[in-house]
C-alpha atoms as a PDB file:
ATOM      1  CA  MET A   1     -44.533  15.766 -72.785  1.00  0.00           C
ATOM      2  CA  GLY A   2     -41.670  17.492 -71.052  1.00  0.00           C
ATOM      3  CA  LYS A   3     -42.232  15.596 -67.824  1.00  0.00           C
ATOM      4  CA  GLY A   4     -40.138  12.571 -67.031  1.00  0.00           C
ATOM      5  CA  LEU A   5     -41.362   9.703 -64.956  1.00  0.00           C
ATOM      6  CA  PRO A   6     -39.918   9.512 -61.404  1.00  0.00           C
ATOM      7  CA  PRO A   7     -37.239   6.855 -60.893  1.00  0.00           C
ATOM      8  CA  PRO A   8     -38.149   3.685 -59.114  1.00  0.00           C
ATOM      9  CA  PRO A   9     -37.841   4.201 -55.378  1.00  0.00           C
ATOM     10  CA  SER A  10     -35.766   1.212 -54.550  1.00  0.00           C
ATOM     11  CA  SER A  11     -33.862   0.153 -57.680  1.00  0.00           C
ATOM     12  CA  ASP A  12     -32.048   1.308 -60.801  1.00  0.00           C
ATOM     13  CA  ILE A  13     -33.482  -0.415 -63.884  1.00  0.00           C
ATOM     14  CA  GLU A  14     -30.358  -0.090 -66.018  1.00  0.00           C
ATOM     15  CA  THR A  15     -27.781  -1.153 -63.432  1.00  0.00           C
ATOM     16  CA  GLY A  16     -29.951  -3.430 -61.421  1.00  0.00           C
ATOM     17  CA  ARG A  17     -28.631  -1.927 -58.149  1.00  0.00           C
ATOM     18  CA  THR A  18     -30.951  -1.872 -55.184  1.00  0.00           C
ATOM     19  CA  TYR A  19     -30.973   1.082 -52.798  1.00  0.00           C
ATOM     20  CA  LYS A  20     -30.651  -0.144 -49.252  1.00  0.00           C
ATOM     21  CA  SER A  21     -32.109   1.504 -46.211  1.00  0.00           C
ATOM     22  CA  HIS A  22     -29.752   3.687 -44.122  1.00  0.00           C
ATOM     23  CA  ARG A  23     -30.782   2.047 -40.838  1.00  0.00           C
ATOM     24  CA  ARG A  24     -27.946   0.377 -38.935  1.00  0.00           C
ATOM     25  CA  THR A  25     -28.744  -2.957 -37.432  1.00  0.00           C
ATOM     26  CA  PRO A  26     -26.949  -3.706 -34.114  1.00  0.00           C
ATOM     27  CA  PRO A  27     -23.959  -6.014 -34.498  1.00  0.00           C
ATOM     28  CA  PRO A  28     -24.452  -9.558 -33.310  1.00  0.00           C
ATOM     29  CA  PRO A  29     -23.090 -10.342 -29.861  1.00  0.00           C
ATOM     30  CA  PRO A  30     -19.598 -11.851 -29.829  1.00  0.00           C
ATOM     31  CA  LYS A  31     -19.344 -15.596 -29.738  1.00  0.00           C
ATOM     32  CA  HIS A  32     -16.521 -15.509 -27.226  1.00  0.00           C
ATOM     33  CA  PHE A  33     -16.303 -12.864 -24.519  1.00  0.00           C
ATOM     34  CA  SER A  34     -13.726 -12.210 -21.841  1.00  0.00           C
ATOM     35  CA  PRO A  35     -13.921  -9.343 -19.318  1.00  0.00           C
ATOM     36  CA  PRO A  36     -11.328  -6.573 -19.551  1.00  0.00           C
ATOM     37  CA  ALA A  37      -8.249  -6.894 -17.382  1.00  0.00           C
ATOM     38  CA  PRO A  38      -8.393  -4.663 -14.289  1.00  0.00           C
ATOM     39  CA  LYS A  39      -6.339  -1.499 -14.546  1.00  0.00           C
ATOM     40  CA  PRO A  40      -3.525  -1.201 -11.993  1.00  0.00           C
ATOM     41  CA  TRP A  41      -3.816   1.476  -9.347  1.00  0.00           C
ATOM     42  CA  PHE A  42      -1.392   4.378  -9.340  1.00  0.00           C
ATOM     43  CA  ALA A  43       0.927   3.744  -6.368  1.00  0.00           C
ATOM     44  CA  TRP A  44       1.400   6.952  -4.363  1.00  0.00           C
ATOM     45  CA  LEU A  45       0.858   5.939  -0.732  1.00  0.00           C
ATOM     46  CA  VAL A  46       3.833   3.574  -0.436  1.00  0.00           C
ATOM     47  CA  PRO A  47       6.269   6.165  -1.863  1.00  0.00           C
ATOM     48  CA  LEU A  48       4.735   8.688   0.535  1.00  0.00           C
ATOM     49  CA  VAL A  49       5.342   6.339   3.478  1.00  0.00           C
ATOM     50  CA  PHE A  50       8.900   5.898   2.214  1.00  0.00           C
ATOM     51  CA  VAL A  51       9.464   9.670   2.182  1.00  0.00           C
ATOM     52  CA  ALA A  52       7.807  10.048   5.605  1.00  0.00           C
ATOM     53  CA  ASN A  53      10.202   7.514   7.128  1.00  0.00           C
ATOM     54  CA  ILE A  54      13.211   9.280   5.609  1.00  0.00           C
ATOM     55  CA  VAL A  55      12.018  12.672   6.859  1.00  0.00           C
ATOM     56  CA  MET A  56      11.350  11.236  10.309  1.00  0.00           C
ATOM     57  CA  PHE A  57      14.854   9.796  10.511  1.00  0.00           C
ATOM     58  CA  VAL A  58      16.422  13.121   9.478  1.00  0.00           C
ATOM     59  CA  LEU A  59      14.312  14.892  12.113  1.00  0.00           C
ATOM     60  CA  THR A  60      15.400  12.313  14.688  1.00  0.00           C
ATOM     61  CA  MET A  61      19.056  12.949  13.926  1.00  0.00           C
ATOM     62  CA  TYR A  62      18.522  16.720  14.133  1.00  0.00           C
ATOM     63  CA  ILE A  63      16.874  16.433  17.554  1.00  0.00           C
ATOM     64  CA  ASN A  64      19.506  13.936  18.685  1.00  0.00           C
ATOM     65  CA  ASN A  65      22.366  16.425  18.120  1.00  0.00           C
ATOM     66  CA  CYS A  66      25.208  14.047  18.948  1.00  0.00           C
ATOM     67  CA  PRO A  67      27.933  16.751  19.308  1.00  0.00           C
ATOM     68  CA  ALA A  68      25.960  18.490  22.044  1.00  0.00           C
ATOM     69  CA  LYS A  69      25.334  15.229  23.949  1.00  0.00           C
ATOM     70  CA  THR A  70      28.589  13.325  23.710  1.00  0.00           C
ATOM     71  CA  GLY A  71      31.087  15.786  22.253  1.00  0.00           C
ATOM     72  CA  ALA A  72      32.090  16.240  18.635  1.00  0.00           C
ATOM     73  CA  ASP A  73      35.187  14.068  18.974  1.00  0.00           C
ATOM     74  CA  LYS A  74      33.091  10.994  19.832  1.00  0.00           C
ATOM     75  CA  CYS A  75      30.485  11.366  17.065  1.00  0.00           C
ATOM     76  CA  LEU A  76      30.859   9.440  13.809  1.00  0.00           C
ATOM     77  CA  PHE A  77      31.363  11.509  10.634  1.00  0.00           C
ATOM     78  CA  TYR A  78      31.108  14.779  12.521  1.00  0.00           C
ATOM     79  CA  ASP A  79      33.266  16.604   9.940  1.00  0.00           C
ATOM     80  CA  TYR A  80      30.747  15.778   7.196  1.00  0.00           C
ATOM     81  CA  LEU A  81      27.423  15.668   9.034  1.00  0.00           C
ATOM     82  CA  GLY A  82      27.864  18.081  11.920  1.00  0.00           C
ATOM     83  CA  ARG A  83      24.723  18.098  14.051  1.00  0.00           C
ATOM     84  CA  PHE A  84      23.408  15.058  12.140  1.00  0.00           C
ATOM     85  CA  SER A  85      26.434  12.876  12.967  1.00  0.00           C
ATOM     86  CA  PHE A  86      25.922   9.411  14.464  1.00  0.00           C
ATOM     87  CA  HIS A  87      26.385   8.244  18.009  1.00  0.00           C
ATOM     88  CA  PRO A  88      29.446   6.053  18.772  1.00  0.00           C
ATOM     89  CA  ILE A  89      29.309   2.432  17.631  1.00  0.00           C
ATOM     90  CA  LYS A  90      29.354   1.179  21.222  1.00  0.00           C
ATOM     91  CA  ASP A  91      26.119   3.105  21.883  1.00  0.00           C
ATOM     92  CA  ASN A  92      24.376   2.354  18.595  1.00  0.00           C
ATOM     93  CA  PRO A  93      25.958  -0.111  16.115  1.00  0.00           C
ATOM     94  CA  LEU A  94      23.325   0.703  13.460  1.00  0.00           C
ATOM     95  CA  LEU A  95      24.640   4.229  12.777  1.00  0.00           C
ATOM     96  CA  GLY A  96      21.905   6.300  14.339  1.00  0.00           C
ATOM     97  CA  PRO A  97      20.797   8.362  17.325  1.00  0.00           C
ATOM     98  CA  SER A  98      20.907   7.576  21.029  1.00  0.00           C
ATOM     99  CA  PHE A  99      18.265   5.348  22.548  1.00  0.00           C
ATOM    100  CA  SER A 100      17.175   8.207  24.824  1.00  0.00           C
ATOM    101  CA  THR A 101      16.290  10.297  21.746  1.00  0.00           C
ATOM    102  CA  LEU A 102      14.285   7.439  20.270  1.00  0.00           C
ATOM    103  CA  LYS A 103      12.425   7.020  23.544  1.00  0.00           C
ATOM    104  CA  GLU A 104      11.686  10.735  23.638  1.00  0.00           C
ATOM    105  CA  LEU A 105      10.217  10.678  20.111  1.00  0.00           C
ATOM    106  CA  GLY A 106       7.930   7.688  20.653  1.00  0.00           C
ATOM    107  CA  ALA A 107       9.846   4.398  20.788  1.00  0.00           C
ATOM    108  CA  LEU A 108       7.984   1.424  22.212  1.00  0.00           C
ATOM    109  CA  ASP A 109       8.832   1.171  25.900  1.00  0.00           C
ATOM    110  CA  TRP A 110       6.872  -1.251  28.078  1.00  0.00           C
ATOM    111  CA  LYS A 111       7.044   0.887  31.198  1.00  0.00           C
ATOM    112  CA  LEU A 112       5.798   4.020  29.444  1.00  0.00           C
ATOM    113  CA  VAL A 113       3.019   2.172  27.620  1.00  0.00           C
ATOM    114  CA  VAL A 114       1.671   0.284  30.635  1.00  0.00           C
ATOM    115  CA  GLU A 115       2.522   2.371  33.672  1.00  0.00           C
ATOM    116  CA  SER A 116       2.251   5.810  32.050  1.00  0.00           C
ATOM    117  CA  LYS A 117      -0.672   4.784  29.781  1.00  0.00           C
ATOM    118  CA  GLN A 118       1.100   5.983  26.607  1.00  0.00           C
ATOM    119  CA  ALA A 119      -0.648   3.571  24.259  1.00  0.00           C
ATOM    120  CA  TRP A 120       0.101   5.840  21.287  1.00  0.00           C
ATOM    121  CA  ARG A 121       3.630   4.422  21.303  1.00  0.00           C
ATOM    122  CA  LEU A 122       2.231   1.219  19.794  1.00  0.00           C
ATOM    123  CA  ILE A 123       1.757   3.234  16.576  1.00  0.00           C
ATOM    124  CA  SER A 124       4.453   5.912  16.796  1.00  0.00           C
ATOM    125  CA  CYS A 125       7.299   3.398  17.070  1.00  0.00           C
ATOM    126  CA  ILE A 126       6.718   2.065  13.543  1.00  0.00           C
ATOM    127  CA  TRP A 127       7.794   5.444  12.109  1.00  0.00           C
ATOM    128  CA  LEU A 128      11.148   5.488  13.907  1.00  0.00           C
ATOM    129  CA  HIS A 129      14.371   3.673  13.006  1.00  0.00           C
ATOM    130  CA  ALA A 130      17.430   2.900  15.086  1.00  0.00           C
ATOM    131  CA  GLY A 131      19.957   3.792  12.395  1.00  0.00           C
ATOM    132  CA  VAL A 132      20.839   4.106   8.723  1.00  0.00           C
ATOM    133  CA  ILE A 133      21.343   0.354   8.306  1.00  0.00           C
ATOM    134  CA  HIS A 134      17.963  -0.339   9.880  1.00  0.00           C
ATOM    135  CA  LEU A 135      16.280   2.319   7.736  1.00  0.00           C
ATOM    136  CA  VAL A 136      17.778   1.224   4.411  1.00  0.00           C
ATOM    137  CA  ALA A 137      16.897  -2.448   4.965  1.00  0.00           C
ATOM    138  CA  ASN A 138      13.279  -1.647   5.814  1.00  0.00           C
ATOM    139  CA  MET A 139      12.739   0.915   3.059  1.00  0.00           C
ATOM    140  CA  MET A 140      14.091  -1.393   0.360  1.00  0.00           C
ATOM    141  CA  SER A 141      11.636  -4.067   1.499  1.00  0.00           C
ATOM    142  CA  LEU A 142       8.805  -1.521   1.597  1.00  0.00           C
ATOM    143  CA  LEU A 143       9.356  -0.427  -2.002  1.00  0.00           C
ATOM    144  CA  PHE A 144       9.885  -3.969  -3.277  1.00  0.00           C
ATOM    145  CA  ILE A 145       6.743  -5.394  -1.659  1.00  0.00           C
ATOM    146  CA  GLY A 146       4.470  -2.415  -1.057  1.00  0.00           C
ATOM    147  CA  ILE A 147       4.338  -0.824  -4.516  1.00  0.00           C
ATOM    148  CA  ARG A 148       3.215  -4.045  -6.199  1.00  0.00           C
ATOM    149  CA  LEU A 149       0.506  -4.592  -3.591  1.00  0.00           C
ATOM    150  CA  GLU A 150      -0.747  -1.013  -3.888  1.00  0.00           C
ATOM    151  CA  GLN A 151      -0.899  -1.247  -7.680  1.00  0.00           C
ATOM    152  CA  GLU A 152      -3.040  -4.356  -7.343  1.00  0.00           C
ATOM    153  CA  PHE A 153      -5.305  -3.480  -4.405  1.00  0.00           C
ATOM    154  CA  GLY A 154      -5.237   0.305  -4.044  1.00  0.00           C
ATOM    155  CA  PHE A 155      -3.987   2.745  -1.439  1.00  0.00           C
ATOM    156  CA  PHE A 156      -6.802   2.396   1.124  1.00  0.00           C
ATOM    157  CA  ARG A 157      -6.518  -1.344   1.675  1.00  0.00           C
ATOM    158  CA  ILE A 158      -2.716  -1.383   1.663  1.00  0.00           C
ATOM    159  CA  GLY A 159      -2.520   1.643   3.970  1.00  0.00           C
ATOM    160  CA  LEU A 160      -4.901   0.008   6.455  1.00  0.00           C
ATOM    161  CA  LEU A 161      -2.996  -3.272   6.176  1.00  0.00           C
ATOM    162  CA  TYR A 162       0.303  -1.492   6.885  1.00  0.00           C
ATOM    163  CA  VAL A 163      -0.965   0.278  10.018  1.00  0.00           C
ATOM    164  CA  LEU A 164      -2.813  -2.741  11.460  1.00  0.00           C
ATOM    165  CA  SER A 165       0.202  -4.993  10.896  1.00  0.00           C
ATOM    166  CA  GLY A 166       2.527  -2.461  12.524  1.00  0.00           C
ATOM    167  CA  PHE A 167       0.163  -2.238  15.495  1.00  0.00           C
ATOM    168  CA  GLY A 168       0.054  -6.030  15.800  1.00  0.00           C
ATOM    169  CA  GLY A 169       3.832  -6.224  15.720  1.00  0.00           C
ATOM    170  CA  SER A 170       4.135  -3.533  18.408  1.00  0.00           C
ATOM    171  CA  LEU A 171       1.586  -5.302  20.595  1.00  0.00           C
ATOM    172  CA  MET A 172       3.431  -8.619  20.354  1.00  0.00           C
ATOM    173  CA  SER A 173       6.746  -6.884  21.043  1.00  0.00           C
ATOM    174  CA  ALA A 174       5.355  -5.140  24.120  1.00  0.00           C
ATOM    175  CA  LEU A 175       3.976  -8.407  25.495  1.00  0.00           C
ATOM    176  CA  ALA A 176       7.288 -10.178  24.881  1.00  0.00           C
ATOM    177  CA  SER A 177       9.351  -7.426  26.520  1.00  0.00           C
ATOM    178  CA  ALA A 178       7.180  -7.111  29.628  1.00  0.00           C
ATOM    179  CA  GLY A 179       9.912  -8.559  31.804  1.00  0.00           C
ATOM    180  CA  ARG A 180      12.639  -6.348  30.320  1.00  0.00           C
ATOM    181  CA  LYS A 181      11.774  -2.819  31.379  1.00  0.00           C
ATOM    182  CA  GLN A 182      14.808  -1.172  29.798  1.00  0.00           C
ATOM    183  CA  THR A 183      14.150  -2.561  26.316  1.00  0.00           C
ATOM    184  CA  ILE A 184      12.829  -0.265  23.586  1.00  0.00           C
ATOM    185  CA  SER A 185      11.635  -1.182  20.108  1.00  0.00           C
ATOM    186  CA  VAL A 186      11.419   0.869  16.907  1.00  0.00           C
ATOM    187  CA  GLY A 187      11.034   0.227  13.202  1.00  0.00           C
ATOM    188  CA  ALA A 188       8.593  -0.654  10.457  1.00  0.00           C
ATOM    189  CA  SER A 189       9.579  -4.333  10.439  1.00  0.00           C
ATOM    190  CA  GLY A 190       6.277  -5.472  11.937  1.00  0.00           C
ATOM    191  CA  ALA A 191       4.321  -3.624   9.248  1.00  0.00           C
ATOM    192  CA  LEU A 192       6.568  -5.037   6.511  1.00  0.00           C
ATOM    193  CA  PHE A 193       6.174  -8.588   7.785  1.00  0.00           C
ATOM    194  CA  GLY A 194       2.454  -7.891   7.757  1.00  0.00           C
ATOM    195  CA  LEU A 195       2.679  -7.223   4.015  1.00  0.00           C
ATOM    196  CA  LEU A 196       4.413 -10.596   3.592  1.00  0.00           C
ATOM    197  CA  GLY A 197       1.745 -12.326   5.670  1.00  0.00           C
ATOM    198  CA  ALA A 198      -0.980 -10.660   3.611  1.00  0.00           C
ATOM    199  CA  MET A 199       0.657 -11.883   0.392  1.00  0.00           C
ATOM    200  CA  LEU A 200       0.403 -15.435   1.722  1.00  0.00           C
ATOM    201  CA  SER A 201      -3.247 -15.142   2.770  1.00  0.00           C
ATOM    202  CA  GLU A 202      -4.070 -13.408  -0.529  1.00  0.00           C
ATOM    203  CA  LEU A 203      -2.602 -16.369  -2.393  1.00  0.00           C
ATOM    204  CA  ILE A 204      -4.690 -18.783  -0.331  1.00  0.00           C
ATOM    205  CA  THR A 205      -8.021 -16.958  -0.514  1.00  0.00           C
ATOM    206  CA  ASN A 206      -7.641 -16.115  -4.233  1.00  0.00           C
ATOM    207  CA  TRP A 207      -6.322 -19.564  -5.107  1.00  0.00           C
ATOM    208  CA  THR A 208      -8.446 -19.933  -8.273  1.00  0.00           C
ATOM    209  CA  ASN A 209      -6.887 -16.836  -9.863  1.00  0.00           C
ATOM    210  CA  TYR A 210      -3.352 -18.222  -9.930  1.00  0.00           C
ATOM    211  CA  ALA A 211      -1.972 -20.378 -12.735  1.00  0.00           C
ATOM    212  CA  ASN A 212       1.271 -21.668 -11.161  1.00  0.00           C
ATOM    213  CA  LYS A 213      -0.143 -22.138  -7.679  1.00  0.00           C
ATOM    214  CA  CYS A 214       2.462 -24.429  -6.145  1.00  0.00           C
ATOM    215  CA  ALA A 215       5.406 -22.458  -7.527  1.00  0.00           C
ATOM    216  CA  ALA A 216       3.982 -19.196  -6.205  1.00  0.00           C
ATOM    217  CA  LEU A 217       3.307 -20.745  -2.796  1.00  0.00           C
ATOM    218  CA  LEU A 218       6.772 -22.299  -2.437  1.00  0.00           C
ATOM    219  CA  THR A 219       8.495 -19.068  -3.503  1.00  0.00           C
ATOM    220  CA  LEU A 220       6.515 -16.999  -1.007  1.00  0.00           C
ATOM    221  CA  VAL A 221       7.073 -19.461   1.845  1.00  0.00           C
ATOM    222  CA  LEU A 222      10.829 -19.422   1.120  1.00  0.00           C
ATOM    223  CA  ILE A 223      10.962 -15.599   1.210  1.00  0.00           C
ATOM    224  CA  ILE A 224       8.985 -15.489   4.467  1.00  0.00           C
ATOM    225  CA  SER A 225      11.177 -18.163   6.089  1.00  0.00           C
ATOM    226  CA  LEU A 226      14.384 -16.326   5.193  1.00  0.00           C
ATOM    227  CA  ASN A 227      13.062 -13.056   6.581  1.00  0.00           C
ATOM    228  CA  LEU A 228      11.896 -14.677   9.804  1.00  0.00           C
ATOM    229  CA  ALA A 229      15.295 -16.328  10.195  1.00  0.00           C
ATOM    230  CA  VAL A 230      16.911 -12.876  10.224  1.00  0.00           C
ATOM    231  CA  GLY A 231      14.931 -12.159  13.379  1.00  0.00           C
ATOM    232  CA  PHE A 232      17.112 -14.543  15.386  1.00  0.00           C
ATOM    233  CA  LEU A 233      20.171 -12.332  14.948  1.00  0.00           C
ATOM    234  CA  PRO A 234      21.295 -10.256  17.958  1.00  0.00           C
ATOM    235  CA  HIS A 235      19.524  -6.925  18.605  1.00  0.00           C
ATOM    236  CA  VAL A 236      16.599  -7.891  16.340  1.00  0.00           C
ATOM    237  CA  ASP A 237      13.085  -7.917  17.791  1.00  0.00           C
ATOM    238  CA  ASN A 238      11.662 -11.079  16.265  1.00  0.00           C
ATOM    239  CA  SER A 239       8.486 -10.821  18.352  1.00  0.00           C
ATOM    240  CA  ALA A 240       7.523  -7.711  16.353  1.00  0.00           C
ATOM    241  CA  HIS A 241       8.151  -9.653  13.131  1.00  0.00           C
ATOM    242  CA  ILE A 242       5.943 -12.538  14.235  1.00  0.00           C
ATOM    243  CA  GLY A 243       3.178 -10.271  15.541  1.00  0.00           C
ATOM    244  CA  GLY A 244       3.177  -8.221  12.348  1.00  0.00           C
ATOM    245  CA  PHE A 245       3.175 -11.340  10.187  1.00  0.00           C
ATOM    246  CA  ILE A 246       0.209 -12.888  12.024  1.00  0.00           C
ATOM    247  CA  SER A 247      -1.741  -9.621  11.896  1.00  0.00           C
ATOM    248  CA  GLY A 248      -1.050  -9.142   8.189  1.00  0.00           C
ATOM    249  CA  PHE A 249      -1.924 -12.766   7.477  1.00  0.00           C
ATOM    250  CA  LEU A 250      -5.369 -12.316   9.051  1.00  0.00           C
ATOM    251  CA  VAL A 251      -5.969  -8.857   7.578  1.00  0.00           C
ATOM    252  CA  GLY A 252      -5.121 -10.215   4.122  1.00  0.00           C
ATOM    253  CA  PHE A 253      -8.105 -12.583   4.238  1.00  0.00           C
ATOM    254  CA  ILE A 254     -10.328  -9.596   5.046  1.00  0.00           C
ATOM    255  CA  LEU A 255      -9.024  -6.844   2.770  1.00  0.00           C
ATOM    256  CA  LEU A 256      -7.382  -8.609  -0.172  1.00  0.00           C
ATOM    257  CA  ILE A 257     -10.222 -10.905  -1.242  1.00  0.00           C
ATOM    258  CA  ARG A 258     -10.805 -10.855  -5.011  1.00  0.00           C
ATOM    259  CA  PRO A 259     -13.585 -12.241  -7.260  1.00  0.00           C
ATOM    260  CA  GLN A 260     -13.088 -15.841  -8.247  1.00  0.00           C
ATOM    261  CA  PHE A 261     -11.688 -16.790 -11.647  1.00  0.00           C
ATOM    262  CA  GLY A 262     -14.336 -16.525 -14.376  1.00  0.00           C
ATOM    263  CA  TYR A 263     -16.569 -14.003 -12.597  1.00  0.00           C
ATOM    264  CA  VAL A 264     -17.857 -11.216 -14.863  1.00  0.00           C
ATOM    265  CA  SER A 265     -19.471  -8.051 -13.533  1.00  0.00           C
ATOM    266  CA  ARG A 266     -22.726  -6.988 -15.225  1.00  0.00           C
ATOM    267  CA  LYS A 267     -21.260  -3.645 -16.289  1.00  0.00           C
ATOM    268  CA  HIS A 268     -18.709  -5.486 -18.431  1.00  0.00           C
ATOM    269  CA  ILE A 269     -21.226  -7.721 -20.262  1.00  0.00           C
ATOM    270  CA  PRO A 270     -21.862  -6.455 -23.866  1.00  0.00           C
ATOM    271  CA  PRO A 271     -25.473  -5.725 -24.960  1.00  0.00           C
ATOM    272  CA  GLY A 272     -27.246  -8.796 -26.257  1.00  0.00           C
ATOM    273  CA  TYR A 273     -24.764 -11.197 -24.705  1.00  0.00           C
ATOM    274  CA  GLU A 274     -26.126 -13.768 -22.299  1.00  0.00           C
ATOM    275  CA  ILE A 275     -24.046 -15.826 -19.909  1.00  0.00           C
ATOM    276  CA  LYS A 276     -25.691 -19.190 -19.390  1.00  0.00           C
ATOM    277  CA  HIS A 277     -23.773 -20.218 -16.289  1.00  0.00           C
ATOM    278  CA  LYS A 278     -22.848 -17.037 -14.432  1.00  0.00           C
ATOM    279  CA  LYS A 279     -20.432 -17.610 -11.574  1.00  0.00           C
ATOM    280  CA  PRO A 280     -20.932 -15.971  -8.156  1.00  0.00           C
ATOM    281  CA  LYS A 281     -18.488 -13.242  -7.221  1.00  0.00           C
ATOM    282  CA  HIS A 282     -16.790 -15.222  -4.454  1.00  0.00           C
ATOM    283  CA  LYS A 283     -16.560 -18.842  -3.440  1.00  0.00           C
ATOM    284  CA  CYS A 284     -17.986 -20.093  -0.156  1.00  0.00           C
ATOM    285  CA  TYR A 285     -14.563 -20.801   1.329  1.00  0.00           C
ATOM    286  CA  GLN A 286     -13.572 -17.157   0.742  1.00  0.00           C
ATOM    287  CA  TYR A 287     -16.476 -15.955   2.883  1.00  0.00           C
ATOM    288  CA  LEU A 288     -15.640 -18.547   5.524  1.00  0.00           C
ATOM    289  CA  LEU A 289     -11.994 -17.453   5.703  1.00  0.00           C
ATOM    290  CA  TRP A 290     -13.109 -13.816   5.861  1.00  0.00           C
ATOM    291  CA  ILE A 291     -15.306 -14.456   8.919  1.00  0.00           C
ATOM    292  CA  ILE A 292     -12.719 -16.618  10.721  1.00  0.00           C
ATOM    293  CA  ALA A 293      -9.932 -14.079  10.123  1.00  0.00           C
ATOM    294  CA  LEU A 294     -12.070 -11.168  11.353  1.00  0.00           C
ATOM    295  CA  VAL A 295     -13.033 -12.994  14.563  1.00  0.00           C
ATOM    296  CA  LEU A 296      -9.434 -14.060  15.259  1.00  0.00           C
ATOM    297  CA  LEU A 297      -8.076 -10.573  14.561  1.00  0.00           C
ATOM    298  CA  ILE A 298     -10.501  -8.785  16.870  1.00  0.00           C
ATOM    299  CA  THR A 299     -10.101 -11.433  19.576  1.00  0.00           C
ATOM    300  CA  GLY A 300      -6.307 -11.312  19.325  1.00  0.00           C
ATOM    301  CA  TYR A 301      -6.107  -7.537  19.564  1.00  0.00           C
ATOM    302  CA  ALA A 302      -8.581  -7.385  22.452  1.00  0.00           C
ATOM    303  CA  THR A 303      -6.859 -10.173  24.385  1.00  0.00           C
ATOM    304  CA  GLY A 304      -3.391  -8.744  23.787  1.00  0.00           C
ATOM    305  CA  LEU A 305      -4.333  -5.230  24.886  1.00  0.00           C
ATOM    306  CA  THR A 306      -6.092  -6.560  27.984  1.00  0.00           C
ATOM    307  CA  ARG A 307      -3.085  -8.626  29.037  1.00  0.00           C
ATOM    308  CA  LEU A 308      -0.682  -5.801  28.242  1.00  0.00           C
ATOM    309  CA  PHE A 309      -2.386  -3.190  30.398  1.00  0.00           C
ATOM    310  CA  LYS A 310      -2.802  -5.707  33.212  1.00  0.00           C
ATOM    311  CA  GLY A 311       0.977  -6.155  33.191  1.00  0.00           C
ATOM    312  CA  GLN A 312       0.859  -9.784  32.099  1.00  0.00           C
ATOM    313  CA  THR A 313       3.183 -11.770  29.854  1.00  0.00           C
ATOM    314  CA  PHE A 314       2.436 -14.732  27.607  1.00  0.00           C
ATOM    315  CA  GLU A 315       2.634 -17.031  30.622  1.00  0.00           C
ATOM    316  CA  SER A 316      -0.286 -15.168  32.279  1.00  0.00           C
ATOM    317  CA  LYS A 317       1.908 -14.048  35.195  1.00  0.00           C
ATOM    318  CA  PRO A 318       1.795 -10.512  36.542  1.00  0.00           C
ATOM    319  CA  LEU A 319       5.052  -8.628  36.043  1.00  0.00           C
ATOM    320  CA  SER A 320       5.633  -8.402  39.809  1.00  0.00           C
ATOM    321  CA  SER A 321       6.061 -12.190  39.987  1.00  0.00           C
ATOM    322  CA  LEU A 322       8.793 -12.312  37.336  1.00  0.00           C
ATOM    323  CA  ASP A 323      12.464 -12.474  38.253  1.00  0.00           C
END
């Protein structure tokens, strides 16, 4: 008496409810699984290159000091720009400094590169511009092309692509101007054409990742053709464009390779989910293109540098035998 019986451990007699265990069973694996979309990189290097080119041009104009060299009355926009005013149109139609200033700051000059062994000019010239028109055209292309590439592939690969393409363009320009000792070359055009070339090789090597393949290819080929056609205008160094494009095209196969469509990394596979037919990360043709591009790139750079410092042109003639 006075003591009640303990309730049933697992049920309520009156309500018929059953007390369930508090253990949580793992959810079943999803029937359909797709890997998460890659997050875009934050683009900071391309804007930094943009700012660096602007700063370098302002510094060039400051060092140029047109009023001190030619007289204030001959300088363009002297009343508004003062020391930063432009040289006369007859000296520089692109609204910029004198060619002697550009040469002093690192323009590509065959004689200085080969005879004075100033190989650093093959890199320094891509940070100089002949004038405002030249600068604006290149920087608009850089922002339009470069930011998208950096968001997709990251700063390291795009930065390396930019420098190697600029070097390739400078090397081709130096070889083409071997017979014209008074010619100088400046500008980031070779590096920019390298970005275009890399976009083409990226499309080819990552072919399985694109839905509208033919449309993308035709659009890119049209853009490249129009830009190369500009190189045939007067005072434009098309050899730098071609050299940069070829370099970027080869570098793109090496640096911009992506996993094939349908590949899933192990870290993205949910627990308990099994993939019956797991695809390899890359296709065989991607590895083959990678090896071929690397061999051609190294061979091209080595051959070009050897011929350049021997004073040879594309026709394998020493400079002394040219008219």
